[in-house]
Amino acid sequence: MTKHPTFVHLTDIHVGNPDIPDDHLYSDTTTTLTAILADIKSIVPKPDFIVASGDLVNRGEPSDYEELKRIFREADLGFPVLFGLGNHDVRENFYKTVLGRDTDLQKPYDHDDVINGIHVIVLDSSLPNRIGGGFEEGQIEWLKAKLARNDLPKLLVMHHGPALDEDDLAGEWETFGCADTVVLRDLLKDHNVIGIVSGHIHFDRVSNWYGIPLIVGTGQHAATDVLQLHENLRMVSGAGFALCKLRPSGLTVSFVPQPAERRELHVTPLAAIAEIERQRIAAAE
């Protein structure tokens, strides 16, 4: 039997330095990630690669990225890991600590690779000092060029998924910006995009976005109580990853939840989050 291209989607890892107290870290993400990587290493046949779609660490400090590196190094997976950045990540510290890079430290971390016939495009959707996402200068041109690079099936990796409702300006803190979503929609049109994988909102969700599967993962930090999303961002214990396979019929995604009792970890009114984002936008203007 021919082995179909297979990959794992991780997101919202939120690793922190265990030696530094962090009131905004609601679970033991080091233990969770270690256990998940052990599960991934046991997959038969082994995946071709992992994509990690942002919020790799919780505070963005160099010591957090050192912990991330340690966990992946000790897991000794034996296949590539492609990292993306989210709103909790700090580009300069990621570049210096993980990549050993000392130039262009504020530029978005956009990159691509071809692995087992899949053209993986990782778009940095994070915006400095913002909760929501969007394009920065030069990214539209970069993405356009990468889409034209070949005719292979393309997987787009981005922390903030496109806005499902392009008039939902109040909800932009949880998505790629509405105006930029329209631009993205037009860019991807007529290209062989097998799927978009993202995170940020901390729950498993699958959407048909203009004919493209849009896959969001719970992540490894905490899970959003979807039943409370009309009013509160209620975080409960929960984590998981996704095992993805590209068949001739299209992309198949199997969610792999970790054991959890769904214990309440933190509650924030949605109005408070929207106000924080409004203030950050105003400060940047």
C-alpha atoms as a PDB file:
ATOM      1  CA  MET A   1       0.000   0.000   0.000  1.00  0.00           C
ATOM      2  CA  THR A   2       1.286   3.478  -0.904  1.00  0.00           C
ATOM      3  CA  LYS A   3       1.953   5.625   2.165  1.00  0.00           C
ATOM      4  CA  HIS A   4      -0.062   8.798   1.978  1.00  0.00           C
ATOM      5  CA  PRO A   5       1.684  11.993   3.118  1.00  0.00           C
ATOM      6  CA  THR A   6       1.017  12.327   6.843  1.00  0.00           C
ATOM      7  CA  PHE A   7       1.709  15.128   9.280  1.00  0.00           C
ATOM      8  CA  VAL A   8       0.894  16.235  12.821  1.00  0.00           C
ATOM      9  CA  HIS A   9      -0.577  19.600  13.753  1.00  0.00           C
ATOM     10  CA  LEU A  10       0.380  21.092  17.107  1.00  0.00           C
ATOM     11  CA  THR A  11      -0.661  24.535  18.243  1.00  0.00           C
ATOM     12  CA  ASP A  12      -0.737  26.785  21.306  1.00  0.00           C
ATOM     13  CA  ILE A  13       2.002  24.879  23.083  1.00  0.00           C
ATOM     14  CA  HIS A  14       2.563  27.713  25.605  1.00  0.00           C
ATOM     15  CA  VAL A  15       5.719  26.260  27.102  1.00  0.00           C
ATOM     16  CA  GLY A  16       7.217  28.209  29.993  1.00  0.00           C
ATOM     17  CA  ASN A  17      10.393  28.086  32.028  1.00  0.00           C
ATOM     18  CA  PRO A  18       9.351  25.810  34.940  1.00  0.00           C
ATOM     19  CA  ASP A  19      11.637  27.752  37.299  1.00  0.00           C
ATOM     20  CA  ILE A  20       9.757  31.047  36.797  1.00  0.00           C
ATOM     21  CA  PRO A  21       6.234  31.450  38.244  1.00  0.00           C
ATOM     22  CA  ASP A  22       3.668  32.514  35.640  1.00  0.00           C
ATOM     23  CA  ASP A  23       0.128  33.410  36.714  1.00  0.00           C
ATOM     24  CA  HIS A  24      -0.982  33.252  33.075  1.00  0.00           C
ATOM     25  CA  LEU A  25       0.140  29.677  32.568  1.00  0.00           C
ATOM     26  CA  TYR A  26      -2.838  27.543  33.565  1.00  0.00           C
ATOM     27  CA  SER A  27      -1.411  24.044  33.170  1.00  0.00           C
ATOM     28  CA  ASP A  28       1.827  22.063  33.158  1.00  0.00           C
ATOM     29  CA  THR A  29       2.573  22.498  29.474  1.00  0.00           C
ATOM     30  CA  THR A  30       6.047  20.970  29.762  1.00  0.00           C
ATOM     31  CA  THR A  31       4.583  17.654  30.933  1.00  0.00           C
ATOM     32  CA  THR A  32       1.781  17.833  28.367  1.00  0.00           C
ATOM     33  CA  LEU A  33       4.087  18.494  25.416  1.00  0.00           C
ATOM     34  CA  THR A  34       6.506  15.773  26.532  1.00  0.00           C
ATOM     35  CA  ALA A  35       3.649  13.246  26.672  1.00  0.00           C
ATOM     36  CA  ILE A  36       2.244  14.336  23.311  1.00  0.00           C
ATOM     37  CA  LEU A  37       5.609  14.082  21.576  1.00  0.00           C
ATOM     38  CA  ALA A  38       5.986  10.570  22.993  1.00  0.00           C
ATOM     39  CA  ASP A  39       2.590   9.693  21.494  1.00  0.00           C
ATOM     40  CA  ILE A  40       3.604  11.198  18.160  1.00  0.00           C
ATOM     41  CA  LYS A  41       6.860   9.245  18.137  1.00  0.00           C
ATOM     42  CA  SER A  42       4.845   6.027  18.517  1.00  0.00           C
ATOM     43  CA  ILE A  43       2.752   6.640  15.390  1.00  0.00           C
ATOM     44  CA  VAL A  44       3.163   3.929  12.729  1.00  0.00           C
ATOM     45  CA  PRO A  45       4.080   4.669  10.041  1.00  0.00           C
ATOM     46  CA  LYS A  46       5.841   7.746  11.349  1.00  0.00           C
ATOM     47  CA  PRO A  47       4.607  11.158  10.145  1.00  0.00           C
ATOM     48  CA  ASP A  48       6.523  13.069   7.499  1.00  0.00           C
ATOM     49  CA  PHE A  49       6.617  16.240   9.580  1.00  0.00           C
ATOM     50  CA  ILE A  50       5.075  18.310  12.368  1.00  0.00           C
ATOM     51  CA  VAL A  51       3.687  21.823  12.006  1.00  0.00           C
ATOM     52  CA  ALA A  52       3.331  23.912  15.180  1.00  0.00           C
ATOM     53  CA  SER A  53       1.085  26.886  14.444  1.00  0.00           C
ATOM     54  CA  GLY A  54       2.165  29.451  17.001  1.00  0.00           C
ATOM     55  CA  ASP A  55       2.072  30.415  20.655  1.00  0.00           C
ATOM     56  CA  LEU A  56       5.052  28.152  21.073  1.00  0.00           C
ATOM     57  CA  VAL A  57       5.755  29.677  24.492  1.00  0.00           C
ATOM     58  CA  ASN A  58       3.679  31.614  26.989  1.00  0.00           C
ATOM     59  CA  ARG A  59       5.751  34.675  27.888  1.00  0.00           C
ATOM     60  CA  GLY A  60       8.102  34.940  24.935  1.00  0.00           C
ATOM     61  CA  GLU A  61      11.240  34.993  27.084  1.00  0.00           C
ATOM     62  CA  PRO A  62      14.532  33.404  25.958  1.00  0.00           C
ATOM     63  CA  SER A  63      14.369  30.864  28.799  1.00  0.00           C
ATOM     64  CA  ASP A  64      10.926  29.764  27.574  1.00  0.00           C
ATOM     65  CA  TYR A  65      12.348  29.045  24.124  1.00  0.00           C
ATOM     66  CA  GLU A  66      15.252  27.185  25.723  1.00  0.00           C
ATOM     67  CA  GLU A  67      12.687  24.932  27.414  1.00  0.00           C
ATOM     68  CA  LEU A  68      10.916  24.406  24.097  1.00  0.00           C
ATOM     69  CA  LYS A  69      14.201  23.441  22.435  1.00  0.00           C
ATOM     70  CA  ARG A  70      15.059  21.051  25.263  1.00  0.00           C
ATOM     71  CA  ILE A  71      11.747  19.222  25.043  1.00  0.00           C
ATOM     72  CA  PHE A  72      11.954  18.721  21.279  1.00  0.00           C
ATOM     73  CA  ARG A  73      15.641  17.782  21.429  1.00  0.00           C
ATOM     74  CA  GLU A  74      15.026  15.114  24.082  1.00  0.00           C
ATOM     75  CA  ALA A  75      12.006  13.785  22.152  1.00  0.00           C
ATOM     76  CA  ASP A  76      14.413  12.879  19.297  1.00  0.00           C
ATOM     77  CA  LEU A  77      11.575  12.601  16.782  1.00  0.00           C
ATOM     78  CA  GLY A  78      13.573  11.948  13.629  1.00  0.00           C
ATOM     79  CA  PHE A  79      11.432  14.072  11.288  1.00  0.00           C
ATOM     80  CA  PRO A  80      11.139  17.820  10.595  1.00  0.00           C
ATOM     81  CA  VAL A  81       9.283  20.284  12.821  1.00  0.00           C
ATOM     82  CA  LEU A  82       8.114  23.522  11.202  1.00  0.00           C
ATOM     83  CA  PHE A  83       7.402  26.295  13.700  1.00  0.00           C
ATOM     84  CA  GLY A  84       5.055  29.237  13.237  1.00  0.00           C
ATOM     85  CA  LEU A  85       4.634  32.206  15.567  1.00  0.00           C
ATOM     86  CA  GLY A  86       1.599  33.478  17.469  1.00  0.00           C
ATOM     87  CA  ASN A  87       0.657  36.458  19.592  1.00  0.00           C
ATOM     88  CA  HIS A  88       2.392  35.047  22.711  1.00  0.00           C
ATOM     89  CA  ASP A  89       5.670  34.649  20.824  1.00  0.00           C
ATOM     90  CA  VAL A  90       8.389  37.309  20.679  1.00  0.00           C
ATOM     91  CA  ARG A  91      10.157  37.274  17.337  1.00  0.00           C
ATOM     92  CA  GLU A  92      13.508  38.574  18.533  1.00  0.00           C
ATOM     93  CA  ASN A  93      13.781  35.983  21.306  1.00  0.00           C
ATOM     94  CA  PHE A  94      12.585  33.169  19.043  1.00  0.00           C
ATOM     95  CA  TYR A  95      15.067  34.084  16.327  1.00  0.00           C
ATOM     96  CA  LYS A  96      18.018  34.364  18.697  1.00  0.00           C
ATOM     97  CA  THR A  97      17.251  31.336  20.852  1.00  0.00           C
ATOM     98  CA  VAL A  98      15.728  28.812  18.465  1.00  0.00           C
ATOM     99  CA  LEU A  99      17.249  29.764  15.110  1.00  0.00           C
ATOM    100  CA  GLY A 100      20.498  31.384  16.245  1.00  0.00           C
ATOM    101  CA  ARG A 101      19.631  34.349  14.039  1.00  0.00           C
ATOM    102  CA  ASP A 102      20.878  37.873  14.815  1.00  0.00           C
ATOM    103  CA  THR A 103      19.548  39.926  11.871  1.00  0.00           C
ATOM    104  CA  ASP A 104      16.084  41.167  10.859  1.00  0.00           C
ATOM    105  CA  LEU A 105      14.828  40.332  14.333  1.00  0.00           C
ATOM    106  CA  GLN A 106      11.500  42.156  13.988  1.00  0.00           C
ATOM    107  CA  LYS A 107      10.496  40.712  10.625  1.00  0.00           C
ATOM    108  CA  PRO A 108       7.661  38.182  10.411  1.00  0.00           C
ATOM    109  CA  TYR A 109       8.793  34.566  10.444  1.00  0.00           C
ATOM    110  CA  ASP A 110       7.499  33.458   7.046  1.00  0.00           C
ATOM    111  CA  HIS A 111       8.990  30.339   5.483  1.00  0.00           C
ATOM    112  CA  ASP A 112       8.112  27.367   3.308  1.00  0.00           C
ATOM    113  CA  ASP A 113       9.307  23.876   2.459  1.00  0.00           C
ATOM    114  CA  VAL A 114       8.329  20.931   0.281  1.00  0.00           C
ATOM    115  CA  ILE A 115       8.020  17.645   2.192  1.00  0.00           C
ATOM    116  CA  ASN A 116       6.822  14.404   0.603  1.00  0.00           C
ATOM    117  CA  GLY A 117       4.955  16.226  -2.140  1.00  0.00           C
ATOM    118  CA  ILE A 118       3.264  18.835   0.084  1.00  0.00           C
ATOM    119  CA  HIS A 119       4.265  22.483  -0.235  1.00  0.00           C
ATOM    120  CA  VAL A 120       4.050  23.746   3.357  1.00  0.00           C
ATOM    121  CA  ILE A 121       3.729  27.531   3.649  1.00  0.00           C
ATOM    122  CA  VAL A 122       4.088  28.981   7.153  1.00  0.00           C
ATOM    123  CA  LEU A 123       2.716  32.530   7.396  1.00  0.00           C
ATOM    124  CA  ASP A 124       3.434  34.608  10.481  1.00  0.00           C
ATOM    125  CA  SER A 125      -0.024  36.010  11.244  1.00  0.00           C
ATOM    126  CA  SER A 126       1.025  37.650  14.521  1.00  0.00           C
ATOM    127  CA  LEU A 127       1.043  41.422  14.882  1.00  0.00           C
ATOM    128  CA  PRO A 128       3.360  42.941  17.527  1.00  0.00           C
ATOM    129  CA  ASN A 129       1.468  43.890  20.719  1.00  0.00           C
ATOM    130  CA  ARG A 130      -1.840  42.659  19.309  1.00  0.00           C
ATOM    131  CA  ILE A 131      -4.101  39.738  20.166  1.00  0.00           C
ATOM    132  CA  GLY A 132      -5.578  39.343  16.695  1.00  0.00           C
ATOM    133  CA  GLY A 133      -3.670  38.779  13.486  1.00  0.00           C
ATOM    134  CA  GLY A 134      -3.123  40.197  10.036  1.00  0.00           C
ATOM    135  CA  PHE A 135      -0.673  40.958   7.258  1.00  0.00           C
ATOM    136  CA  GLU A 136       2.397  43.130   7.739  1.00  0.00           C
ATOM    137  CA  GLU A 137       4.284  44.987   5.043  1.00  0.00           C
ATOM    138  CA  GLY A 138       5.698  42.673   2.400  1.00  0.00           C
ATOM    139  CA  GLN A 139       3.811  39.541   3.459  1.00  0.00           C
ATOM    140  CA  ILE A 140       1.195  39.703   0.720  1.00  0.00           C
ATOM    141  CA  GLU A 141       3.901  39.827  -1.951  1.00  0.00           C
ATOM    142  CA  TRP A 142       5.823  37.020  -0.221  1.00  0.00           C
ATOM    143  CA  LEU A 143       2.765  34.782  -0.070  1.00  0.00           C
ATOM    144  CA  LYS A 144       1.831  35.511  -3.682  1.00  0.00           C
ATOM    145  CA  ALA A 145       5.317  34.464  -4.798  1.00  0.00           C
ATOM    146  CA  LYS A 146       5.256  31.261  -2.749  1.00  0.00           C
ATOM    147  CA  LEU A 147       1.839  30.271  -4.089  1.00  0.00           C
ATOM    148  CA  ALA A 148       3.210  30.632  -7.616  1.00  0.00           C
ATOM    149  CA  ARG A 149       6.350  28.619  -6.827  1.00  0.00           C
ATOM    150  CA  ASN A 150       4.938  25.267  -7.989  1.00  0.00           C
ATOM    151  CA  ASP A 151       1.729  23.329  -8.660  1.00  0.00           C
ATOM    152  CA  LEU A 152       2.059  21.017  -5.664  1.00  0.00           C
ATOM    153  CA  PRO A 153      -0.727  20.685  -3.090  1.00  0.00           C
ATOM    154  CA  LYS A 154      -0.285  23.462  -0.549  1.00  0.00           C
ATOM    155  CA  LEU A 155      -0.784  23.488   3.212  1.00  0.00           C
ATOM    156  CA  LEU A 156      -1.053  26.930   4.816  1.00  0.00           C
ATOM    157  CA  VAL A 157       0.008  27.186   8.462  1.00  0.00           C
ATOM    158  CA  MET A 158      -0.961  30.321  10.405  1.00  0.00           C
ATOM    159  CA  HIS A 159      -1.705  31.013  14.050  1.00  0.00           C
ATOM    160  CA  HIS A 160      -4.836  33.100  13.445  1.00  0.00           C
ATOM    161  CA  GLY A 161      -7.391  31.465  11.204  1.00  0.00           C
ATOM    162  CA  PRO A 162      -9.221  33.583   8.624  1.00  0.00           C
ATOM    163  CA  ALA A 163     -12.351  35.361   9.848  1.00  0.00           C
ATOM    164  CA  LEU A 164     -15.390  33.210   9.130  1.00  0.00           C
ATOM    165  CA  ASP A 165     -17.614  36.299   9.106  1.00  0.00           C
ATOM    166  CA  GLU A 166     -15.850  39.102   7.288  1.00  0.00           C
ATOM    167  CA  ASP A 167     -18.035  41.801   8.866  1.00  0.00           C
ATOM    168  CA  ASP A 168     -17.321  40.698  12.460  1.00  0.00           C
ATOM    169  CA  LEU A 169     -15.015  43.574  13.377  1.00  0.00           C
ATOM    170  CA  ALA A 170     -15.665  43.111  17.107  1.00  0.00           C
ATOM    171  CA  GLY A 171     -14.343  39.562  16.908  1.00  0.00           C
ATOM    172  CA  GLU A 172     -11.085  40.380  15.128  1.00  0.00           C
ATOM    173  CA  TRP A 173      -9.100  39.709  18.311  1.00  0.00           C
ATOM    174  CA  GLU A 174      -9.647  35.981  17.735  1.00  0.00           C
ATOM    175  CA  THR A 175      -8.962  35.817  13.983  1.00  0.00           C
ATOM    176  CA  PHE A 176      -6.958  37.108  11.067  1.00  0.00           C
ATOM    177  CA  GLY A 177      -8.291  40.621  10.432  1.00  0.00           C
ATOM    178  CA  CYS A 178     -11.466  40.896   8.375  1.00  0.00           C
ATOM    179  CA  ALA A 179     -10.025  43.062   5.588  1.00  0.00           C
ATOM    180  CA  ASP A 180      -6.912  40.888   5.422  1.00  0.00           C
ATOM    181  CA  THR A 181      -9.109  37.792   5.313  1.00  0.00           C
ATOM    182  CA  VAL A 182     -10.657  39.086   2.083  1.00  0.00           C
ATOM    183  CA  VAL A 183      -7.168  39.643   0.638  1.00  0.00           C
ATOM    184  CA  LEU A 184      -6.138  36.135   1.714  1.00  0.00           C
ATOM    185  CA  ARG A 185      -9.255  34.627   0.148  1.00  0.00           C
ATOM    186  CA  ASP A 186      -8.429  36.234  -3.193  1.00  0.00           C
ATOM    187  CA  LEU A 187      -4.755  35.213  -3.000  1.00  0.00           C
ATOM    188  CA  LEU A 188      -5.601  31.545  -2.414  1.00  0.00           C
ATOM    189  CA  LYS A 189      -8.235  31.377  -5.120  1.00  0.00           C
ATOM    190  CA  ASP A 190      -7.356  28.972  -7.951  1.00  0.00           C
ATOM    191  CA  HIS A 191      -4.435  27.451  -6.031  1.00  0.00           C
ATOM    192  CA  ASN A 192      -4.395  23.840  -4.847  1.00  0.00           C
ATOM    193  CA  VAL A 193      -4.689  24.570  -1.128  1.00  0.00           C
ATOM    194  CA  ILE A 194      -5.455  21.299   0.667  1.00  0.00           C
ATOM    195  CA  GLY A 195      -6.069  23.003   3.995  1.00  0.00           C
ATOM    196  CA  ILE A 196      -5.275  25.752   6.481  1.00  0.00           C
ATOM    197  CA  VAL A 197      -4.202  24.735  10.004  1.00  0.00           C
ATOM    198  CA  SER A 198      -4.289  27.248  12.827  1.00  0.00           C
ATOM    199  CA  GLY A 199      -4.906  27.730  16.539  1.00  0.00           C
ATOM    200  CA  HIS A 200      -5.308  30.736  18.871  1.00  0.00           C
ATOM    201  CA  ILE A 201      -8.866  29.991  20.026  1.00  0.00           C
ATOM    202  CA  HIS A 202      -8.068  26.754  21.923  1.00  0.00           C
ATOM    203  CA  PHE A 203     -10.777  24.436  20.641  1.00  0.00           C
ATOM    204  CA  ASP A 204     -11.072  21.897  17.840  1.00  0.00           C
ATOM    205  CA  ARG A 205     -13.042  23.298  14.939  1.00  0.00           C
ATOM    206  CA  VAL A 206     -13.417  22.432  11.265  1.00  0.00           C
ATOM    207  CA  SER A 207     -14.863  24.872   8.741  1.00  0.00           C
ATOM    208  CA  ASN A 208     -15.372  24.883   4.996  1.00  0.00           C
ATOM    209  CA  TRP A 209     -13.829  28.269   4.182  1.00  0.00           C
ATOM    210  CA  TYR A 210     -14.547  29.006   0.525  1.00  0.00           C
ATOM    211  CA  GLY A 211     -13.970  25.336  -0.265  1.00  0.00           C
ATOM    212  CA  ILE A 212     -10.760  25.080   1.776  1.00  0.00           C
ATOM    213  CA  PRO A 213     -10.728  22.961   4.964  1.00  0.00           C
ATOM    214  CA  LEU A 214      -9.904  25.310   7.857  1.00  0.00           C
ATOM    215  CA  ILE A 215      -8.661  23.260  10.806  1.00  0.00           C
ATOM    216  CA  VAL A 216      -8.257  24.759  14.278  1.00  0.00           C
ATOM    217  CA  GLY A 217      -6.729  22.768  17.142  1.00  0.00           C
ATOM    218  CA  THR A 218      -7.281  22.887  20.891  1.00  0.00           C
ATOM    219  CA  GLY A 219      -3.559  23.011  21.570  1.00  0.00           C
ATOM    220  CA  GLN A 220      -1.580  21.934  24.587  1.00  0.00           C
ATOM    221  CA  HIS A 221      -2.289  24.659  27.179  1.00  0.00           C
ATOM    222  CA  ALA A 222      -6.002  24.754  27.976  1.00  0.00           C
ATOM    223  CA  ALA A 223      -9.323  24.196  26.226  1.00  0.00           C
ATOM    224  CA  THR A 224     -12.035  26.762  25.559  1.00  0.00           C
ATOM    225  CA  ASP A 225     -15.520  25.935  26.804  1.00  0.00           C
ATOM    226  CA  VAL A 226     -17.398  26.475  23.531  1.00  0.00           C
ATOM    227  CA  LEU A 227     -20.764  26.544  25.326  1.00  0.00           C
ATOM    228  CA  GLN A 228     -19.748  29.742  27.138  1.00  0.00           C
ATOM    229  CA  LEU A 229     -18.473  31.651  24.110  1.00  0.00           C
ATOM    230  CA  HIS A 230     -21.523  33.892  23.943  1.00  0.00           C
ATOM    231  CA  GLU A 231     -20.218  35.759  27.009  1.00  0.00           C
ATOM    232  CA  ASN A 232     -16.980  34.423  28.518  1.00  0.00           C
ATOM    233  CA  LEU A 233     -13.693  32.903  27.536  1.00  0.00           C
ATOM    234  CA  ARG A 234     -13.879  30.008  30.000  1.00  0.00           C
ATOM    235  CA  MET A 235     -10.732  27.894  29.953  1.00  0.00           C
ATOM    236  CA  VAL A 236     -10.862  24.317  31.207  1.00  0.00           C
ATOM    237  CA  SER A 237      -8.258  21.592  31.396  1.00  0.00           C
ATOM    238  CA  GLY A 238      -7.787  19.866  28.076  1.00  0.00           C
ATOM    239  CA  ALA A 239      -5.236  19.339  25.333  1.00  0.00           C
ATOM    240  CA  GLY A 240      -4.733  17.432  22.117  1.00  0.00           C
ATOM    241  CA  PHE A 241      -3.183  17.294  18.679  1.00  0.00           C
ATOM    242  CA  ALA A 242      -4.271  16.401  15.160  1.00  0.00           C
ATOM    243  CA  LEU A 243      -3.047  13.619  12.899  1.00  0.00           C
ATOM    244  CA  CYS A 244      -3.507  14.643   9.267  1.00  0.00           C
ATOM    245  CA  LYS A 245      -3.300  12.558   6.105  1.00  0.00           C
ATOM    246  CA  LEU A 246      -3.472  13.670   2.481  1.00  0.00           C
ATOM    247  CA  ARG A 247      -5.388  11.161   0.424  1.00  0.00           C
ATOM    248  CA  PRO A 248      -6.285  11.433  -3.285  1.00  0.00           C
ATOM    249  CA  SER A 249      -9.768  12.383  -2.050  1.00  0.00           C
ATOM    250  CA  GLY A 250      -8.446  15.243   0.088  1.00  0.00           C
ATOM    251  CA  LEU A 251      -7.239  16.030   3.589  1.00  0.00           C
ATOM    252  CA  THR A 252      -8.297  13.828   6.510  1.00  0.00           C
ATOM    253  CA  VAL A 253      -7.872  15.125  10.067  1.00  0.00           C
ATOM    254  CA  SER A 254      -8.166  12.966  13.182  1.00  0.00           C
ATOM    255  CA  PHE A 255      -8.168  14.790  16.522  1.00  0.00           C
ATOM    256  CA  VAL A 256      -6.296  13.058  19.338  1.00  0.00           C
ATOM    257  CA  PRO A 257      -7.458  14.415  22.719  1.00  0.00           C
ATOM    258  CA  GLN A 258      -5.438  13.957  25.885  1.00  0.00           C
ATOM    259  CA  PRO A 259      -7.111  12.738  29.110  1.00  0.00           C
ATOM    260  CA  ALA A 260      -8.739  15.665  30.962  1.00  0.00           C
ATOM    261  CA  GLU A 261     -11.422  16.208  33.571  1.00  0.00           C
ATOM    262  CA  ARG A 262     -12.461  19.577  32.062  1.00  0.00           C
ATOM    263  CA  ARG A 263     -11.670  21.389  35.315  1.00  0.00           C
ATOM    264  CA  GLU A 264     -12.155  25.157  35.171  1.00  0.00           C
ATOM    265  CA  LEU A 265      -8.838  27.001  34.966  1.00  0.00           C
ATOM    266  CA  HIS A 266      -9.674  30.620  34.188  1.00  0.00           C
ATOM    267  CA  VAL A 267     -12.578  32.825  33.072  1.00  0.00           C
ATOM    268  CA  THR A 268     -12.341  36.162  31.256  1.00  0.00           C
ATOM    269  CA  PRO A 269     -15.340  38.135  29.935  1.00  0.00           C
ATOM    270  CA  LEU A 270     -15.155  38.460  26.164  1.00  0.00           C
ATOM    271  CA  ALA A 271     -15.887  42.180  26.482  1.00  0.00           C
ATOM    272  CA  ALA A 272     -12.703  42.618  28.531  1.00  0.00           C
ATOM    273  CA  ILE A 273     -10.574  40.943  25.845  1.00  0.00           C
ATOM    274  CA  ALA A 274     -12.150  43.056  23.110  1.00  0.00           C
ATOM    275  CA  GLU A 275     -11.402  46.199  25.140  1.00  0.00           C
ATOM    276  CA  ILE A 276      -7.751  45.218  25.579  1.00  0.00           C
ATOM    277  CA  GLU A 277      -7.435  44.760  21.819  1.00  0.00           C
ATOM    278  CA  ARG A 278      -9.166  48.107  21.178  1.00  0.00           C
ATOM    279  CA  GLN A 279      -6.699  49.875  23.478  1.00  0.00           C
ATOM    280  CA  ARG A 280      -3.723  48.234  21.775  1.00  0.00           C
ATOM    281  CA  ILE A 281      -4.956  49.277  18.346  1.00  0.00           C
ATOM    282  CA  ALA A 282      -5.480  52.840  19.571  1.00  0.00           C
ATOM    283  CA  ALA A 283      -1.999  52.957  21.101  1.00  0.00           C
ATOM    284  CA  ALA A 284      -0.431  51.883  17.808  1.00  0.00           C
ATOM    285  CA  GLU A 285      -2.201  54.567  15.777  1.00  0.00           C
END
